[in-house]
C-alpha atoms as a PDB file:
ATOM      1  CA  UNK A   1     200.867 101.719  89.092  1.00  0.00           C
ATOM      2  CA  UNK A   2     198.032  99.979  90.927  1.00  0.00           C
ATOM      3  CA  UNK A   3     199.043 101.718  94.100  1.00  0.00           C
ATOM      4  CA  UNK A   4     198.687 105.121  92.437  1.00  0.00           C
ATOM      5  CA  UNK A   5     195.214 104.261  91.031  1.00  0.00           C
ATOM      6  CA  UNK A   6     194.074 103.060  94.431  1.00  0.00           C
ATOM      7  CA  UNK A   7     195.367 106.237  96.079  1.00  0.00           C
ATOM      8  CA  UNK A   8     193.608 108.394  93.528  1.00  0.00           C
ATOM      9  CA  UNK A   9     190.364 106.620  93.966  1.00  0.00           C
ATOM     10  CA  UNK A  10     190.651 106.912  97.721  1.00  0.00           C
ATOM     11  CA  UNK A  11     191.195 110.647  97.509  1.00  0.00           C
ATOM     12  CA  UNK A  12     188.297 111.011  95.098  1.00  0.00           C
ATOM     13  CA  UNK A  13     185.925 109.078  97.361  1.00  0.00           C
ATOM     14  CA  UNK A  14     187.004 110.997 100.406  1.00  0.00           C
ATOM     15  CA  UNK A  15     186.497 114.281  98.550  1.00  0.00           C
ATOM     16  CA  UNK A  16     183.123 113.222  97.337  1.00  0.00           C
ATOM     17  CA  UNK A  17     182.087 112.143 100.817  1.00  0.00           C
ATOM     18  CA  UNK A  18     183.151 115.498 102.200  1.00  0.00           C
ATOM     19  CA  UNK A  19     181.226 117.414  99.477  1.00  0.00           C
ATOM     20  CA  UNK A  20     178.180 115.189  99.954  1.00  0.00           C
ATOM     21  CA  UNK A  21     178.226 115.826 103.671  1.00  0.00           C
ATOM     22  CA  UNK A  22     178.525 119.538 103.207  1.00  0.00           C
ATOM     23  CA  UNK A  23     175.640 119.598 100.766  1.00  0.00           C
ATOM     24  CA  UNK A  24     173.323 117.685 103.192  1.00  0.00           C
ATOM     25  CA  UNK A  25     174.204 119.781 106.199  1.00  0.00           C
ATOM     26  CA  UNK A  26     171.496 122.408 106.744  1.00  0.00           C
ATOM     27  CA  UNK A  27     172.676 126.019 106.908  1.00  0.00           C
ATOM     28  CA  UNK A  28     173.032 127.572 110.343  1.00  0.00           C
ATOM     29  CA  UNK A  29     169.885 129.508 111.360  1.00  0.00           C
ATOM     30  CA  UNK A  30     170.113 133.247 110.635  1.00  0.00           C
ATOM     31  CA  UNK A  31     169.518 135.354 113.742  1.00  0.00           C
ATOM     32  CA  UNK A  32     166.225 137.165 113.616  1.00  0.00           C
ATOM     33  CA  UNK A  33     166.510 140.937 113.337  1.00  0.00           C
ATOM     34  CA  UNK A  34     165.266 143.045 116.221  1.00  0.00           C
ATOM     35  CA  UNK A  35     162.840 144.794 113.918  1.00  0.00           C
ATOM     36  CA  UNK A  36     161.245 141.443 112.983  1.00  0.00           C
ATOM     37  CA  UNK A  37     160.975 140.041 116.488  1.00  0.00           C
ATOM     38  CA  UNK A  38     160.385 143.189 118.585  1.00  0.00           C
ATOM     39  CA  UNK A  39     156.750 144.136 118.041  1.00  0.00           C
ATOM     40  CA  UNK A  40     153.645 144.741 120.144  1.00  0.00           C
ATOM     41  CA  UNK A  41     150.221 144.697 118.574  1.00  0.00           C
ATOM     42  CA  UNK A  42     147.148 145.799 120.497  1.00  0.00           C
ATOM     43  CA  UNK A  43     143.516 146.627 119.804  1.00  0.00           C
ATOM     44  CA  UNK A  44     142.079 149.940 121.017  1.00  0.00           C
ATOM     45  CA  UNK A  45     138.434 150.771 121.522  1.00  0.00           C
ATOM     46  CA  UNK A  46     136.812 154.176 121.792  1.00  0.00           C
ATOM     47  CA  UNK A  47     133.164 154.986 122.630  1.00  0.00           C
ATOM     48  CA  UNK A  48     131.161 158.176 122.362  1.00  0.00           C
ATOM     49  CA  UNK A  49     127.662 158.570 123.834  1.00  0.00           C
ATOM     50  CA  UNK A  50     125.265 161.344 123.026  1.00  0.00           C
ATOM     51  CA  UNK A  51     121.531 162.045 122.568  1.00  0.00           C
ATOM     52  CA  UNK A  52     120.045 161.552 119.086  1.00  0.00           C
ATOM     53  CA  UNK A  53     118.677 164.463 117.087  1.00  0.00           C
ATOM     54  CA  UNK A  54     116.652 162.600 114.433  1.00  0.00           C
ATOM     55  CA  UNK A  55     114.693 159.431 113.909  1.00  0.00           C
ATOM     56  CA  UNK A  56     113.946 157.176 110.911  1.00  0.00           C
ATOM     57  CA  UNK A  57     110.707 155.222 110.735  1.00  0.00           C
ATOM     58  CA  UNK A  58     109.649 152.644 108.138  1.00  0.00           C
ATOM     59  CA  UNK A  59     105.870 152.561 107.851  1.00  0.00           C
ATOM     60  CA  UNK A  60     103.433 151.386 105.265  1.00  0.00           C
ATOM     61  CA  UNK A  61      99.994 150.461 104.019  1.00  0.00           C
ATOM     62  CA  UNK A  62      98.700 147.055 103.365  1.00  0.00           C
ATOM     63  CA  UNK A  63      95.301 145.981 101.932  1.00  0.00           C
ATOM     64  CA  UNK A  64      93.611 142.785 100.781  1.00  0.00           C
ATOM     65  CA  UNK A  65      90.992 142.179  98.135  1.00  0.00           C
ATOM     66  CA  UNK A  66      89.614 139.319  96.053  1.00  0.00           C
ATOM     67  CA  UNK A  67      91.215 140.787  92.939  1.00  0.00           C
ATOM     68  CA  UNK A  68      94.788 141.888  92.557  1.00  0.00           C
ATOM     69  CA  UNK A  69      93.889 145.198  90.896  1.00  0.00           C
ATOM     70  CA  UNK A  70      91.551 146.126  93.702  1.00  0.00           C
ATOM     71  CA  UNK A  71      94.095 145.343  96.384  1.00  0.00           C
ATOM     72  CA  UNK A  72      96.750 147.395  94.651  1.00  0.00           C
ATOM     73  CA  UNK A  73      94.392 150.347  93.981  1.00  0.00           C
ATOM     74  CA  UNK A  74      93.283 150.417  97.649  1.00  0.00           C
ATOM     75  CA  UNK A  75      96.871 150.328  98.836  1.00  0.00           C
ATOM     76  CA  UNK A  76      98.027 153.050  96.468  1.00  0.00           C
ATOM     77  CA  UNK A  77      95.056 155.296  97.472  1.00  0.00           C
ATOM     78  CA  UNK A  78      95.829 154.993 101.143  1.00  0.00           C
ATOM     79  CA  UNK A  79      99.583 155.399 100.578  1.00  0.00           C
ATOM     80  CA  UNK A  80      98.854 158.684  98.769  1.00  0.00           C
ATOM     81  CA  UNK A  81      96.860 159.871 101.733  1.00  0.00           C
ATOM     82  CA  UNK A  82      99.751 159.019 104.063  1.00  0.00           C
ATOM     83  CA  UNK A  83     102.139 160.935 101.868  1.00  0.00           C
ATOM     84  CA  UNK A  84      99.779 163.996 101.890  1.00  0.00           C
ATOM     85  CA  UNK A  85      99.715 163.782 105.679  1.00  0.00           C
ATOM     86  CA  UNK A  86     103.536 163.758 105.914  1.00  0.00           C
ATOM     87  CA  UNK A  87     103.773 166.799 103.655  1.00  0.00           C
ATOM     88  CA  UNK A  88     101.128 168.609 105.703  1.00  0.00           C
ATOM     89  CA  UNK A  89     103.174 167.876 108.829  1.00  0.00           C
ATOM     90  CA  UNK A  90     106.208 169.635 107.369  1.00  0.00           C
ATOM     91  CA  UNK A  91     108.202 166.523 106.322  1.00  0.00           C
ATOM     92  CA  UNK A  92     110.359 167.490 103.309  1.00  0.00           C
ATOM     93  CA  UNK A  93     110.375 165.520 100.056  1.00  0.00           C
ATOM     94  CA  UNK A  94     114.008 164.509 100.502  1.00  0.00           C
ATOM     95  CA  UNK A  95     113.043 162.783 103.846  1.00  0.00           C
ATOM     96  CA  UNK A  96     110.428 160.453 102.346  1.00  0.00           C
ATOM     97  CA  UNK A  97     111.237 157.486 100.115  1.00  0.00           C
ATOM     98  CA  UNK A  98     109.182 154.524  98.924  1.00  0.00           C
ATOM     99  CA  UNK A  99     111.184 151.430  99.956  1.00  0.00           C
ATOM    100  CA  UNK A 100     109.056 148.702  98.459  1.00  0.00           C
ATOM    101  CA  UNK A 101     105.735 147.915  96.642  1.00  0.00           C
ATOM    102  CA  UNK A 102     104.556 144.304  96.788  1.00  0.00           C
ATOM    103  CA  UNK A 103     101.600 142.235  95.540  1.00  0.00           C
ATOM    104  CA  UNK A 104     101.208 138.572  96.364  1.00  0.00           C
ATOM    105  CA  UNK A 105      98.334 136.001  96.464  1.00  0.00           C
ATOM    106  CA  UNK A 106      96.819 134.768  99.696  1.00  0.00           C
ATOM    107  CA  UNK A 107      95.850 131.116  99.651  1.00  0.00           C
ATOM    108  CA  UNK A 108      93.347 129.165 101.641  1.00  0.00           C
ATOM    109  CA  UNK A 109      95.361 127.658 104.438  1.00  0.00           C
ATOM    110  CA  UNK A 110      92.666 125.480 105.890  1.00  0.00           C
ATOM    111  CA  UNK A 111      93.348 121.847 106.612  1.00  0.00           C
ATOM    112  CA  UNK A 112      90.859 120.683 104.019  1.00  0.00           C
ATOM    113  CA  UNK A 113      92.449 122.786 101.227  1.00  0.00           C
ATOM    114  CA  UNK A 114      95.945 121.565 102.120  1.00  0.00           C
ATOM    115  CA  UNK A 115      94.838 117.944 101.875  1.00  0.00           C
ATOM    116  CA  UNK A 116      93.499 118.551  98.336  1.00  0.00           C
ATOM    117  CA  UNK A 117      96.914 119.659  97.042  1.00  0.00           C
ATOM    118  CA  UNK A 118      97.897 123.206  96.292  1.00  0.00           C
ATOM    119  CA  UNK A 119      95.580 125.547  98.243  1.00  0.00           C
ATOM    120  CA  UNK A 120      93.431 127.807  96.041  1.00  0.00           C
ATOM    121  CA  UNK A 121      93.944 131.548  95.856  1.00  0.00           C
ATOM    122  CA  UNK A 122      91.281 133.362  97.863  1.00  0.00           C
ATOM    123  CA  UNK A 123      92.593 136.910  97.529  1.00  0.00           C
ATOM    124  CA  UNK A 124      95.521 139.262  96.987  1.00  0.00           C
ATOM    125  CA  UNK A 125      97.593 141.358  99.430  1.00  0.00           C
ATOM    126  CA  UNK A 126      99.281 144.568  98.303  1.00  0.00           C
ATOM    127  CA  UNK A 127     101.811 146.485 100.468  1.00  0.00           C
ATOM    128  CA  UNK A 128     103.456 149.878 100.030  1.00  0.00           C
ATOM    129  CA  UNK A 129     106.298 150.687 102.410  1.00  0.00           C
ATOM    130  CA  UNK A 130     108.108 153.996 102.841  1.00  0.00           C
ATOM    131  CA  UNK A 131     110.982 155.292 104.901  1.00  0.00           C
ATOM    132  CA  UNK A 132     110.593 158.614 106.648  1.00  0.00           C
ATOM    133  CA  UNK A 133     113.236 160.736 108.378  1.00  0.00           C
ATOM    134  CA  UNK A 134     112.025 162.925 111.238  1.00  0.00           C
ATOM    135  CA  UNK A 135     114.422 165.718 111.927  1.00  0.00           C
ATOM    136  CA  UNK A 136     112.602 167.167 114.939  1.00  0.00           C
ATOM    137  CA  UNK A 137     112.075 164.532 117.563  1.00  0.00           C
ATOM    138  CA  UNK A 138     109.372 166.562 119.248  1.00  0.00           C
ATOM    139  CA  UNK A 139     107.230 165.874 116.154  1.00  0.00           C
ATOM    140  CA  UNK A 140     107.711 162.123 116.234  1.00  0.00           C
ATOM    141  CA  UNK A 141     104.789 161.075 118.426  1.00  0.00           C
ATOM    142  CA  UNK A 142     102.186 163.417 116.805  1.00  0.00           C
ATOM    143  CA  UNK A 143     103.410 162.455 113.370  1.00  0.00           C
ATOM    144  CA  UNK A 144     102.920 158.771 113.999  1.00  0.00           C
ATOM    145  CA  UNK A 145      99.379 159.409 115.255  1.00  0.00           C
ATOM    146  CA  UNK A 146      98.644 161.433 112.089  1.00  0.00           C
ATOM    147  CA  UNK A 147      99.814 158.777 109.654  1.00  0.00           C
ATOM    148  CA  UNK A 148      97.857 156.084 111.438  1.00  0.00           C
ATOM    149  CA  UNK A 149      94.783 158.238 111.071  1.00  0.00           C
ATOM    150  CA  UNK A 150      95.540 158.693 107.409  1.00  0.00           C
ATOM    151  CA  UNK A 151      95.523 154.927 106.809  1.00  0.00           C
ATOM    152  CA  UNK A 152      98.954 153.553 107.697  1.00  0.00           C
ATOM    153  CA  UNK A 153      98.593 150.122 109.231  1.00  0.00           C
ATOM    154  CA  UNK A 154     102.127 148.713 108.999  1.00  0.00           C
ATOM    155  CA  UNK A 155     105.208 149.607 110.974  1.00  0.00           C
ATOM    156  CA  UNK A 156     108.570 148.044 110.275  1.00  0.00           C
ATOM    157  CA  UNK A 157     111.004 149.872 112.470  1.00  0.00           C
ATOM    158  CA  UNK A 158     112.081 152.938 114.383  1.00  0.00           C
ATOM    159  CA  UNK A 159     115.721 153.961 114.831  1.00  0.00           C
ATOM    160  CA  UNK A 160     117.402 157.080 116.209  1.00  0.00           C
ATOM    161  CA  UNK A 161     120.378 158.745 114.639  1.00  0.00           C
ATOM    162  CA  UNK A 162     122.457 161.873 114.186  1.00  0.00           C
ATOM    163  CA  UNK A 163     122.030 164.358 111.351  1.00  0.00           C
ATOM    164  CA  UNK A 164     125.853 164.928 111.470  1.00  0.00           C
ATOM    165  CA  UNK A 165     127.533 161.814 112.872  1.00  0.00           C
ATOM    166  CA  UNK A 166     131.077 162.619 111.761  1.00  0.00           C
ATOM    167  CA  UNK A 167     132.228 164.602 114.876  1.00  0.00           C
ATOM    168  CA  UNK A 168     131.072 161.798 117.199  1.00  0.00           C
ATOM    169  CA  UNK A 169     132.738 159.140 114.982  1.00  0.00           C
ATOM    170  CA  UNK A 170     135.985 161.163 114.882  1.00  0.00           C
ATOM    171  CA  UNK A 171     135.941 161.414 118.706  1.00  0.00           C
ATOM    172  CA  UNK A 172     135.420 157.704 119.107  1.00  0.00           C
ATOM    173  CA  UNK A 173     138.238 156.964 116.645  1.00  0.00           C
ATOM    174  CA  UNK A 174     140.683 159.255 118.553  1.00  0.00           C
ATOM    175  CA  UNK A 175     139.749 157.607 121.850  1.00  0.00           C
ATOM    176  CA  UNK A 176     140.418 154.193 120.242  1.00  0.00           C
ATOM    177  CA  UNK A 177     143.930 155.234 119.316  1.00  0.00           C
ATOM    178  CA  UNK A 178     144.580 156.621 122.771  1.00  0.00           C
ATOM    179  CA  UNK A 179     143.331 153.360 124.293  1.00  0.00           C
ATOM    180  CA  UNK A 180     145.703 151.326 122.069  1.00  0.00           C
ATOM    181  CA  UNK A 181     148.602 153.526 123.101  1.00  0.00           C
ATOM    182  CA  UNK A 182     147.764 153.105 126.773  1.00  0.00           C
ATOM    183  CA  UNK A 183     147.587 149.331 126.416  1.00  0.00           C
ATOM    184  CA  UNK A 184     150.851 149.158 124.504  1.00  0.00           C
ATOM    185  CA  UNK A 185     152.700 151.155 127.147  1.00  0.00           C
ATOM    186  CA  UNK A 186     151.407 148.846 129.907  1.00  0.00           C
ATOM    187  CA  UNK A 187     152.554 145.775 127.977  1.00  0.00           C
ATOM    188  CA  UNK A 188     155.920 147.284 127.158  1.00  0.00           C
ATOM    189  CA  UNK A 189     156.554 148.255 130.745  1.00  0.00           C
ATOM    190  CA  UNK A 190     155.537 144.828 132.002  1.00  0.00           C
ATOM    191  CA  UNK A 191     157.763 143.095 129.467  1.00  0.00           C
ATOM    192  CA  UNK A 192     160.765 145.359 130.261  1.00  0.00           C
ATOM    193  CA  UNK A 193     161.032 146.772 126.791  1.00  0.00           C
ATOM    194  CA  UNK A 194     160.857 150.239 125.244  1.00  0.00           C
ATOM    195  CA  UNK A 195     157.946 151.288 122.987  1.00  0.00           C
ATOM    196  CA  UNK A 196     159.319 152.665 119.805  1.00  0.00           C
ATOM    197  CA  UNK A 197     158.156 153.516 116.312  1.00  0.00           C
ATOM    198  CA  UNK A 198     154.534 153.078 115.321  1.00  0.00           C
ATOM    199  CA  UNK A 199     154.633 150.554 112.454  1.00  0.00           C
ATOM    200  CA  UNK A 200     151.034 149.990 111.424  1.00  0.00           C
ATOM    201  CA  UNK A 201     147.521 151.146 112.316  1.00  0.00           C
ATOM    202  CA  UNK A 202     144.236 149.770 110.917  1.00  0.00           C
ATOM    203  CA  UNK A 203     140.673 150.624 111.670  1.00  0.00           C
ATOM    204  CA  UNK A 204     138.769 147.409 112.459  1.00  0.00           C
ATOM    205  CA  UNK A 205     135.098 148.472 112.470  1.00  0.00           C
ATOM    206  CA  UNK A 206     132.719 149.689 115.154  1.00  0.00           C
ATOM    207  CA  UNK A 207     129.156 149.336 116.366  1.00  0.00           C
ATOM    208  CA  UNK A 208     126.506 147.788 114.168  1.00  0.00           C
ATOM    209  CA  UNK A 209     122.728 148.540 114.202  1.00  0.00           C
ATOM    210  CA  UNK A 210     120.258 145.656 114.502  1.00  0.00           C
ATOM    211  CA  UNK A 211     117.401 145.267 111.987  1.00  0.00           C
ATOM    212  CA  UNK A 212     114.033 146.477 113.141  1.00  0.00           C
ATOM    213  CA  UNK A 213     111.216 144.041 113.953  1.00  0.00           C
ATOM    214  CA  UNK A 214     107.856 144.327 112.163  1.00  0.00           C
ATOM    215  CA  UNK A 215     104.762 145.186 114.122  1.00  0.00           C
ATOM    216  CA  UNK A 216     101.397 146.761 113.498  1.00  0.00           C
ATOM    217  CA  UNK A 217     101.303 150.537 113.134  1.00  0.00           C
ATOM    218  CA  UNK A 218      98.299 150.796 115.387  1.00  0.00           C
ATOM    219  CA  UNK A 219     100.120 149.324 118.340  1.00  0.00           C
ATOM    220  CA  UNK A 220     103.096 151.743 117.908  1.00  0.00           C
ATOM    221  CA  UNK A 221     100.777 154.701 117.648  1.00  0.00           C
ATOM    222  CA  UNK A 222      99.029 153.823 120.864  1.00  0.00           C
ATOM    223  CA  UNK A 223     102.315 154.091 122.731  1.00  0.00           C
ATOM    224  CA  UNK A 224     103.867 156.943 120.700  1.00  0.00           C
ATOM    225  CA  UNK A 225     103.768 159.323 123.614  1.00  0.00           C
ATOM    226  CA  UNK A 226     105.900 156.923 125.612  1.00  0.00           C
ATOM    227  CA  UNK A 227     108.811 156.722 123.102  1.00  0.00           C
ATOM    228  CA  UNK A 228     112.180 157.025 124.881  1.00  0.00           C
ATOM    229  CA  UNK A 229     114.986 158.482 122.822  1.00  0.00           C
ATOM    230  CA  UNK A 230     117.816 157.417 125.188  1.00  0.00           C
ATOM    231  CA  UNK A 231     121.339 157.991 123.894  1.00  0.00           C
ATOM    232  CA  UNK A 232     123.349 156.678 120.994  1.00  0.00           C
ATOM    233  CA  UNK A 233     126.623 154.761 121.464  1.00  0.00           C
ATOM    234  CA  UNK A 234     129.153 155.126 118.673  1.00  0.00           C
ATOM    235  CA  UNK A 235     132.260 152.965 118.897  1.00  0.00           C
ATOM    236  CA  UNK A 236     135.474 152.588 116.945  1.00  0.00           C
ATOM    237  CA  UNK A 237     138.192 149.943 117.016  1.00  0.00           C
ATOM    238  CA  UNK A 238     141.796 150.151 115.803  1.00  0.00           C
ATOM    239  CA  UNK A 239     144.544 147.579 115.548  1.00  0.00           C
ATOM    240  CA  UNK A 240     148.024 149.135 116.134  1.00  0.00           C
ATOM    241  CA  UNK A 241     151.537 147.660 115.934  1.00  0.00           C
ATOM    242  CA  UNK A 242     154.598 149.275 117.540  1.00  0.00           C
ATOM    243  CA  UNK A 243     158.211 148.274 117.403  1.00  0.00           C
ATOM    244  CA  UNK A 244     159.943 147.660 120.706  1.00  0.00           C
ATOM    245  CA  UNK A 245     163.538 147.291 121.806  1.00  0.00           C
ATOM    246  CA  UNK A 246     165.339 146.215 124.973  1.00  0.00           C
ATOM    247  CA  UNK A 247     168.155 148.769 124.998  1.00  0.00           C
ATOM    248  CA  UNK A 248     166.484 151.824 123.480  1.00  0.00           C
ATOM    249  CA  UNK A 249     164.048 153.047 120.882  1.00  0.00           C
ATOM    250  CA  UNK A 250     164.149 151.392 117.441  1.00  0.00           C
ATOM    251  CA  UNK A 251     163.079 154.672 115.905  1.00  0.00           C
ATOM    252  CA  UNK A 252     161.244 157.892 116.652  1.00  0.00           C
ATOM    253  CA  UNK A 253     158.723 157.352 119.369  1.00  0.00           C
ATOM    254  CA  UNK A 254     155.077 157.382 118.326  1.00  0.00           C
ATOM    255  CA  UNK A 255     153.400 160.676 119.247  1.00  0.00           C
ATOM    256  CA  UNK A 256     150.999 160.564 122.228  1.00  0.00           C
ATOM    257  CA  UNK A 257     147.324 160.576 121.319  1.00  0.00           C
ATOM    258  CA  UNK A 258     145.582 163.970 121.535  1.00  0.00           C
ATOM    259  CA  UNK A 259     143.448 164.630 124.585  1.00  0.00           C
END
C-alpha cells in the first residue's frame, strides 16, 4: 500500500518536473523570411539648374513723428505713392500685396533716461511693407529706382523664382529616382544579391530658401544695375526600398527610371 503511494507520488513529481521544464524552455527561434531580411534602402537625389524668369521683392515705407497719427498718415501717404508708381510701371494688381502695417513707440535710449527707469516715449514709428512680383526681370532695376524715388526707404528681401516651377521640380524628382536605382544596383552587385521588387518609395524633401536680410532701400537702388540673376537650383530627395534575393528575384523587377 505504502509502496504504491510512494510510486504514484514519484511519477507525479517526475511528470510535473518534466512539464515545468517544458514550460520554462524558450521556443526555438523562427527563421526570418527572406522578404523580411532581404531589403536594400537608399536615398536618391536629383538636381535641376536653370535661369529664373521672375523676381519677388519686399519693400516698404517707414516714417517717424512725435505723434502716432502723424507717423501713420505720413507712411500711408508715401505707401500710396509707391503703389501708384508700381501701377504706372505696369505691375498688375495681383502681383502687389501689403504684407504688414506696424506702429510702435520710440523711446529715449540715452543713458540718463535708462537710469531713471522706463525711458520716456519721444516719438512713433510707422511702417508699411508690401511684396511685389516682377515678371519681367529686365524691369527689375528701373522699377527699384522708381519706387525709391516715390518714397520707399525700406527693403527686406529679393528672391528669384520661376513662374511655372512644376516642370523643373518633376525633372529633379525623376533624377532622384534614377539616382536611387543606380545606388541600389551598385549595392546589390557588391553584396552579391539580386535587386528585386520595389517595395516602398517616399519623397523626403528638397531645397529650402533662406529668409532675406533687411537693408535700406536706398542702398539696394544704388546697386540695382548690378543685380546678378544667376541660376536657380531645384533639388528633390527620395527614399526607396527594394527587396533582394540571393538566388533570384523576389518578384517583378522594378522598372528602370526614365531617361
